[in-house]
């Protein structure tokens, strides 16, 4: 199951929601305010390309989205939608403040720098979507491919501008990032650009796998320490994701777990045994236990994967754990870049 890219709860440092989210899901890998009205009325970087003809009509779960002409000013209602725009080379006229005023993730800052380096114009989404702030920017289109709140937001967003979102409410959880990107790109007249983004991300993963043939066939376990449990993330029917695209395979123990049955008790830590074990602690002090507490556990220490030093922690403070759980067009190649050396050290037992 592919999960939605970065919902509001996940965006907050005190509650980076990875619950039931796959961390091995399918991966490959502006400022338009009144003071900058002139530039806001021009196509954003990359907007000139795209072969689609307009008008474009898209069906969604709440009705139809009619895009009369090629959009020039794009607003977003989630961090994942902002990443879609940036991946396509567009600087949104307004976005939610996904970092709550904190530092922008490295992969996003790279894209912003490439598109001119201006700080994104944001609204405070602590209490949800700020409809007035979006309306004030007079967007031509609103991207909502990565939000769980569309059921309540759509009626308020649609009068502002055409809303691009999913065709079925259940797709909030099930669409891949590639599907979300393609739908948004169609409405933007940028399908060709979307295919290039997908191809580039796939190449990043294939290149990393080719550079590390030692990954092939190694069995892995990936687990997340949540506040209430240790969660076995790499369960059997999980979609093949970045780990497997890099050459790893799931352990035999994976068949014991599902998206709904995924808790590993401290008495059954041997369920984590694998050639390579990856853990992450995204909730910090609010997790069930800390890394040092787990690593001092006698049963954990007895695991062959731990004794052989084939165990590694996926960091959460740099957004890597979150980007694994909520992949998108912008973060995917960065995930491969950052994860590959961690995996290489774990395989080597360093």
Protein backbone atom coordinates (compact mmCIF):
# COMPACT_ATOMS: atom_id res chain seq x y z
CA UNK A 1 0.00 0.00 0.00
CA UNK A 2 1.39 3.32 -1.02
CA UNK A 3 0.77 6.08 1.42
CA UNK A 4 -0.01 9.71 1.01
CA UNK A 5 2.86 12.12 0.85
CA UNK A 6 3.32 14.04 4.09
CA UNK A 7 -0.06 14.88 5.67
CA UNK A 8 -0.28 17.73 8.18
CA UNK A 9 0.23 15.53 11.23
CA UNK A 10 3.36 14.05 9.75
CA UNK A 11 4.76 17.46 8.97
CA UNK A 12 4.99 18.44 12.60
CA UNK A 13 8.17 17.53 14.38
CA UNK A 14 6.22 16.36 17.43
CA UNK A 15 4.12 13.92 15.42
CA UNK A 16 5.78 12.63 12.29
CA UNK A 17 3.15 10.12 11.44
CA UNK A 18 4.55 6.90 10.06
CA UNK A 19 1.82 4.70 11.53
CA UNK A 20 0.83 1.95 9.12
CA UNK A 21 2.73 3.77 6.42
CA UNK A 22 5.12 1.79 4.35
CA UNK A 23 8.66 2.90 4.52
CA UNK A 24 9.48 0.73 1.55
CA UNK A 25 6.87 1.96 -0.86
CA UNK A 26 7.29 2.40 -4.56
CA UNK A 27 10.23 4.71 -5.22
CA UNK A 28 12.51 5.13 -8.13
CA UNK A 29 13.85 7.54 -6.28
CA UNK A 30 6.89 31.08 -5.17
CA UNK A 31 6.31 33.90 -4.22
CA UNK A 32 3.39 35.33 -6.14
CA UNK A 33 2.22 38.02 -3.76
CA UNK A 34 1.06 41.49 -4.67
CA UNK A 35 4.59 42.84 -4.51
CA UNK A 36 5.59 40.50 -7.33
CA UNK A 37 2.46 40.64 -9.44
CA UNK A 38 4.34 40.99 -12.69
CA UNK A 39 6.32 37.79 -12.28
CA UNK A 40 3.30 35.94 -10.84
CA UNK A 41 1.35 36.53 -14.04
CA UNK A 42 4.04 34.83 -16.11
CA UNK A 43 4.40 31.06 -16.52
CA UNK A 44 6.50 29.48 -13.81
CA UNK A 45 9.78 27.87 -14.79
CA UNK A 46 9.10 24.89 -17.02
CA UNK A 47 5.48 25.84 -17.68
CA UNK A 48 6.02 26.56 -21.35
CA UNK A 49 6.58 22.92 -22.17
CA UNK A 50 3.89 20.28 -22.49
CA UNK A 51 1.94 19.05 -25.47
CA UNK A 52 -1.57 18.84 -24.01
CA UNK A 53 -4.27 20.91 -25.56
CA UNK A 54 -6.82 22.81 -23.52
CA UNK A 55 -9.46 22.75 -22.19
CA UNK A 56 -8.76 19.70 -20.01
CA UNK A 57 -11.55 17.92 -18.14
CA UNK A 58 -10.77 15.62 -15.20
CA UNK A 59 -13.26 13.62 -13.15
CA UNK A 60 -12.72 13.54 -9.40
CA UNK A 61 -14.51 12.04 -6.40
CA UNK A 62 -16.55 15.23 -5.91
CA UNK A 63 -17.37 16.14 -9.49
CA UNK A 64 -15.41 17.44 -12.49
CA UNK A 65 -12.44 19.71 -12.84
CA UNK A 66 -12.46 21.87 -15.95
CA UNK A 67 -9.21 23.60 -16.85
CA UNK A 68 -9.98 26.06 -19.61
CA UNK A 69 -6.44 27.06 -20.47
CA UNK A 70 -2.89 26.28 -19.42
CA UNK A 71 -2.50 27.25 -15.75
CA UNK A 72 0.18 29.79 -14.92
CA UNK A 73 -0.35 30.24 -11.18
CA UNK A 74 -0.42 27.07 -9.08
CA UNK A 75 -1.47 26.80 -5.43
CA UNK A 76 -0.96 23.66 -3.32
CA UNK A 77 -2.76 22.30 -0.26
CA UNK A 78 -0.18 19.78 0.97
CA UNK A 79 3.55 19.30 1.15
CA UNK A 80 3.33 16.44 -1.34
CA UNK A 81 1.54 18.68 -3.83
CA UNK A 82 4.21 21.33 -3.39
CA UNK A 83 6.78 18.67 -4.23
CA UNK A 84 4.85 17.75 -7.37
CA UNK A 85 4.94 21.36 -8.54
CA UNK A 86 8.63 21.75 -7.77
CA UNK A 87 9.49 18.44 -9.45
CA UNK A 88 7.78 19.74 -12.60
CA UNK A 89 9.76 22.98 -12.40
CA UNK A 90 6.93 25.15 -11.07
CA UNK A 91 7.11 27.53 -8.12
CA UNK A 92 3.67 27.61 -6.43
CA UNK A 93 2.15 31.01 -5.66
CA UNK A 94 1.30 29.69 -2.18
CA UNK A 95 1.83 26.48 -0.20
CA UNK A 96 1.17 25.19 3.33
CA UNK A 97 4.03 25.76 5.76
CA UNK A 98 5.07 22.12 5.87
CA UNK A 99 8.08 22.80 8.07
CA UNK A 100 6.22 25.00 10.57
CA UNK A 101 8.82 27.70 10.12
CA UNK A 102 11.71 25.24 10.44
CA UNK A 103 14.41 24.38 7.91
CA UNK A 104 13.38 23.17 4.48
CA UNK A 105 14.42 19.57 3.70
CA UNK A 106 17.56 19.30 1.61
CA UNK A 107 15.85 17.83 -1.44
CA UNK A 108 13.26 20.62 -1.48
CA UNK A 109 15.86 23.34 -1.01
CA UNK A 110 17.81 21.95 -3.96
CA UNK A 111 14.74 22.31 -6.17
CA UNK A 112 13.98 25.80 -4.87
CA UNK A 113 17.57 26.89 -5.53
CA UNK A 114 17.39 25.46 -9.05
CA UNK A 115 14.23 27.49 -9.68
CA UNK A 116 15.70 30.78 -8.53
CA UNK A 117 16.18 30.37 -4.81
CA UNK A 118 13.21 32.41 -3.62
CA UNK A 119 11.62 31.46 -0.33
CA UNK A 120 8.22 29.86 -0.88
CA UNK A 121 5.20 31.91 0.12
CA UNK A 122 3.35 29.86 2.72
CA UNK A 123 0.28 29.85 4.93
CA UNK A 124 -0.05 28.42 8.44
CA UNK A 125 -1.90 25.10 8.15
CA UNK A 126 -1.93 24.25 11.85
CA UNK A 127 -5.73 24.44 11.81
CA UNK A 128 -6.11 23.12 8.29
CA UNK A 129 -6.24 24.68 4.84
CA UNK A 130 -6.27 28.48 4.78
CA UNK A 131 -8.83 29.14 2.06
CA UNK A 132 -8.58 32.91 2.34
CA UNK A 133 -4.82 32.88 1.88
CA UNK A 134 -5.16 30.69 -1.20
CA UNK A 135 -7.93 32.83 -2.67
CA UNK A 136 -5.87 35.99 -2.15
CA UNK A 137 -3.24 34.66 -4.56
CA UNK A 138 -5.84 34.16 -7.32
CA UNK A 139 -4.40 30.83 -8.52
CA UNK A 140 -5.33 29.35 -11.88
CA UNK A 141 -5.34 25.86 -10.41
CA UNK A 142 -5.10 24.13 -7.02
CA UNK A 143 -3.20 20.86 -6.60
CA UNK A 144 -4.76 18.50 -4.04
CA UNK A 145 -3.40 15.06 -4.97
CA UNK A 146 -1.79 14.46 -1.57
CA UNK A 147 -4.30 15.39 1.11
CA UNK A 148 -6.65 13.51 3.40
CA UNK A 149 -8.84 16.57 3.99
CA UNK A 150 -10.27 16.94 0.48
CA UNK A 151 -13.64 15.54 1.57
CA UNK A 152 -14.17 18.66 3.68
CA UNK A 153 -12.01 21.07 1.68
CA UNK A 154 -13.25 20.53 -1.86
CA UNK A 155 -16.44 22.57 -1.57
CA UNK A 156 -14.46 25.58 -0.30
CA UNK A 157 -11.59 25.22 -2.76
CA UNK A 158 -13.60 24.69 -5.96
CA UNK A 159 -15.01 28.26 -6.07
CA UNK A 160 -11.45 29.62 -5.88
CA UNK A 161 -9.96 27.69 -8.82
CA UNK A 162 -10.13 24.27 -10.51
CA UNK A 163 -9.06 21.59 -8.04
CA UNK A 164 -6.94 18.66 -9.22
CA UNK A 165 -7.46 15.67 -6.94
CA UNK A 166 -8.12 11.94 -6.99
CA UNK A 167 -11.03 10.18 -8.67
CA UNK A 168 -11.99 8.02 -5.70
CA UNK A 169 -11.82 8.87 -1.99
CA UNK A 170 -9.94 5.66 -1.23
CA UNK A 171 -7.15 6.88 -3.52
CA UNK A 172 -6.00 9.16 -0.73
CA UNK A 173 -4.21 6.05 0.54
CA UNK A 174 -3.64 3.89 -2.52
CA UNK A 175 -2.23 5.98 -5.37
CA UNK A 176 1.47 5.79 -6.08
CA UNK A 177 3.46 9.00 -6.31
CA UNK A 178 3.81 8.35 -10.04
CA UNK A 179 0.02 8.28 -10.46
CA UNK A 180 -0.39 11.48 -8.46
CA UNK A 181 2.28 13.19 -10.53
CA UNK A 182 0.74 12.11 -13.83
CA UNK A 183 -2.74 13.35 -12.90
CA UNK A 184 -1.42 16.73 -11.78
CA UNK A 185 0.76 17.01 -14.87
CA UNK A 186 -2.18 16.34 -17.17
CA UNK A 187 -4.09 19.26 -15.68
CA UNK A 188 -1.00 21.44 -16.00
CA UNK A 189 -0.27 20.46 -19.60
CA UNK A 190 3.01 18.90 -18.51
CA UNK A 191 2.65 15.14 -19.07
CA UNK A 192 5.90 14.97 -21.01
CA UNK A 193 7.74 16.59 -18.10
CA UNK A 194 6.17 14.13 -15.66
CA UNK A 195 7.44 11.18 -17.70
CA UNK A 196 10.93 12.69 -17.65
CA UNK A 197 10.78 13.04 -13.86
CA UNK A 198 9.69 9.41 -13.47
CA UNK A 199 12.43 8.20 -15.83
CA UNK A 200 15.09 10.20 -13.98
CA UNK A 201 13.99 8.78 -10.64
CA UNK A 202 14.01 5.23 -11.97
CA UNK A 203 17.50 5.79 -13.37
CA UNK A 204 18.75 7.01 -9.98
CA UNK A 205 17.66 3.75 -8.37
CA UNK A 206 18.96 1.53 -11.16
CA UNK A 207 22.33 3.27 -11.09
CA UNK A 208 22.60 2.82 -7.31
CA UNK A 209 21.69 -0.87 -7.59
CA UNK A 210 24.27 -1.39 -10.34
CA UNK A 211 26.92 0.28 -8.18
CA UNK A 212 26.17 -2.09 -5.28
CA UNK A 213 25.81 -5.65 -6.56
CA UNK A 214 26.39 -6.83 -2.97
CA UNK A 215 22.80 -5.78 -2.19
CA UNK A 216 21.31 -8.41 -4.50
CA UNK A 217 19.52 -11.17 -2.63
CA UNK A 218 20.22 -9.85 0.86
CA UNK A 219 17.21 -10.25 3.14
CA UNK A 220 16.17 -7.13 5.02
CA UNK A 221 13.84 -6.06 7.78
CA UNK A 222 12.73 -2.47 8.26
CA UNK A 223 11.04 -1.49 11.52
CA UNK A 224 9.80 1.78 13.03
CA UNK A 225 9.59 2.53 16.75
CA UNK A 226 6.21 4.16 17.28
CA UNK A 227 4.89 5.45 20.64
CA UNK A 228 2.81 2.33 21.21
CA UNK A 229 4.83 -0.40 19.46
CA UNK A 230 7.71 -1.50 17.29
CA UNK A 231 6.17 -1.75 13.83
CA UNK A 232 7.29 -4.37 11.28
CA UNK A 233 7.15 -2.27 8.12
CA UNK A 234 8.49 -4.69 5.51
CA UNK A 235 5.56 -7.12 5.67
CA UNK A 236 4.96 -9.73 2.99
CA UNK A 237 2.30 -8.08 0.84
CA UNK A 238 3.95 -4.70 0.96
CA UNK A 239 4.57 -3.28 -2.49
CA UNK A 240 8.13 -3.59 -3.69
CA UNK A 241 9.87 -0.36 -2.81
CA UNK A 242 13.29 1.24 -2.72
CA UNK A 243 14.90 -1.58 -0.71
CA UNK A 244 13.78 -4.21 -3.19
CA UNK A 245 14.50 -2.04 -6.19
CA UNK A 246 18.05 -1.81 -4.88
CA UNK A 247 18.26 -5.62 -4.82
CA UNK A 248 17.14 -6.61 -1.31
CA UNK A 249 14.37 -9.12 -0.56
CA UNK A 250 12.01 -9.49 2.39
CA UNK A 251 12.73 -12.01 5.12
CA UNK A 252 10.70 -15.17 5.63
CA UNK A 253 9.33 -13.59 8.82
CA UNK A 254 7.61 -10.96 6.68
CA UNK A 255 4.80 -13.41 5.98
CA UNK A 256 3.78 -13.16 9.64
CA UNK A 257 2.85 -9.48 9.26
CA UNK A 258 0.36 -7.31 7.41
CA UNK A 259 -0.57 -3.62 7.34
CA UNK A 260 -3.08 -4.32 10.13
CA UNK A 261 -1.03 -6.91 12.06
CA UNK A 262 2.40 -5.33 12.38
CA UNK A 263 3.42 -5.06 16.06
CA UNK A 264 6.63 -6.71 17.28
CA UNK A 265 6.75 -7.26 21.03
CA UNK A 266 9.94 -7.00 23.06
CA UNK A 267 9.60 -10.71 23.77
CA UNK A 268 9.68 -11.45 20.02
CA UNK A 269 12.54 -9.26 18.84
CA UNK A 270 13.97 -12.28 17.04
CA UNK A 271 11.28 -11.60 14.44
CA UNK A 272 13.55 -8.77 13.25
CA UNK A 273 16.36 -11.18 12.30
CA UNK A 274 17.66 -10.65 8.76
CA UNK A 275 20.82 -10.18 6.72
CA UNK A 276 20.31 -6.44 7.20
CA UNK A 277 18.16 -4.71 9.83
CA UNK A 278 17.11 -1.08 9.49
CA UNK A 279 15.37 0.74 12.35
CA UNK A 280 14.14 4.30 12.73
CA UNK A 281 12.95 6.36 15.71
CA UNK A 282 10.85 9.22 14.28
CA UNK A 283 9.06 9.99 17.55
CA UNK A 284 12.19 10.59 19.62
CA UNK A 285 11.43 10.68 23.35
CA UNK A 286 7.80 9.85 22.59
CA UNK A 287 8.68 6.49 21.07
CA UNK A 288 8.14 3.18 22.83
CA UNK A 289 11.85 3.13 23.59
CA UNK A 290 15.01 4.90 22.46
CA UNK A 291 17.73 3.49 20.24
CA UNK A 292 20.04 3.04 23.25
CA UNK A 293 17.31 1.27 25.20
CA UNK A 294 16.63 -1.15 22.36
CA UNK A 295 20.31 -1.71 21.69
CA UNK A 296 20.87 -2.61 25.37
CA UNK A 297 18.10 -5.21 25.26
CA UNK A 298 19.64 -8.68 25.73
CA UNK A 299 17.43 -10.35 23.14
CA UNK A 300 18.15 -7.62 20.61
CA UNK A 301 21.90 -7.98 21.28
CA UNK A 302 21.64 -11.71 20.65
CA UNK A 303 20.39 -11.29 17.09
CA UNK A 304 22.94 -12.40 14.49
CA UNK A 305 22.25 -9.29 12.44
CA UNK A 306 23.15 -7.13 15.44
CA UNK A 307 26.18 -9.16 16.49
CA UNK A 308 27.45 -9.04 12.91
CA UNK A 309 27.01 -5.23 12.81
CA UNK A 310 24.57 -5.48 9.93
CA UNK A 311 22.15 -3.22 11.81
CA UNK A 312 21.72 0.49 11.05
CA UNK A 313 19.47 3.36 12.07
CA UNK A 314 17.70 5.37 9.37
CA UNK A 315 17.83 8.98 10.60
CA UNK A 316 14.63 10.93 11.06
CA UNK A 317 16.07 14.35 11.91
CA UNK A 318 17.02 14.97 8.27
CA UNK A 319 13.59 13.83 6.96
CA UNK A 320 14.94 10.57 5.50
CA UNK A 321 12.60 8.33 7.51
CA UNK A 322 9.61 10.47 6.60
CA UNK A 323 10.58 10.61 2.93
CA UNK A 324 10.83 6.80 2.95
CA UNK A 325 7.31 6.56 4.34
CA UNK A 326 5.84 9.19 2.05
CA UNK A 327 7.75 9.09 -1.25
CA UNK A 328 7.09 11.62 -3.97
CA UNK A 329 8.52 12.84 -7.24
CA UNK A 330 10.88 15.30 -5.57
CA UNK A 331 12.23 13.27 -2.63
CA UNK A 332 12.67 9.86 -4.28
CA UNK A 333 16.13 10.31 -5.85
CA UNK A 334 17.36 12.03 -2.67
CA UNK A 335 16.16 9.03 -0.64
CA UNK A 336 18.24 6.73 -2.83
CA UNK A 337 21.24 9.04 -2.48
CA UNK A 338 21.05 9.13 1.32
CA UNK A 339 19.93 5.54 1.95
CA UNK A 340 22.45 3.77 -0.27
CA UNK A 341 25.56 4.46 1.86
CA UNK A 342 23.66 3.42 5.00
CA UNK A 343 22.76 0.14 3.35
CA UNK A 344 26.29 -0.38 2.05
CA UNK A 345 27.75 -0.04 5.55
CA UNK A 346 25.12 -2.37 6.99
CA UNK A 347 25.81 -5.05 4.38
CA UNK A 348 29.55 -4.75 5.00
CA UNK A 349 29.09 -4.93 8.76
CA UNK A 350 30.69 -1.57 9.42
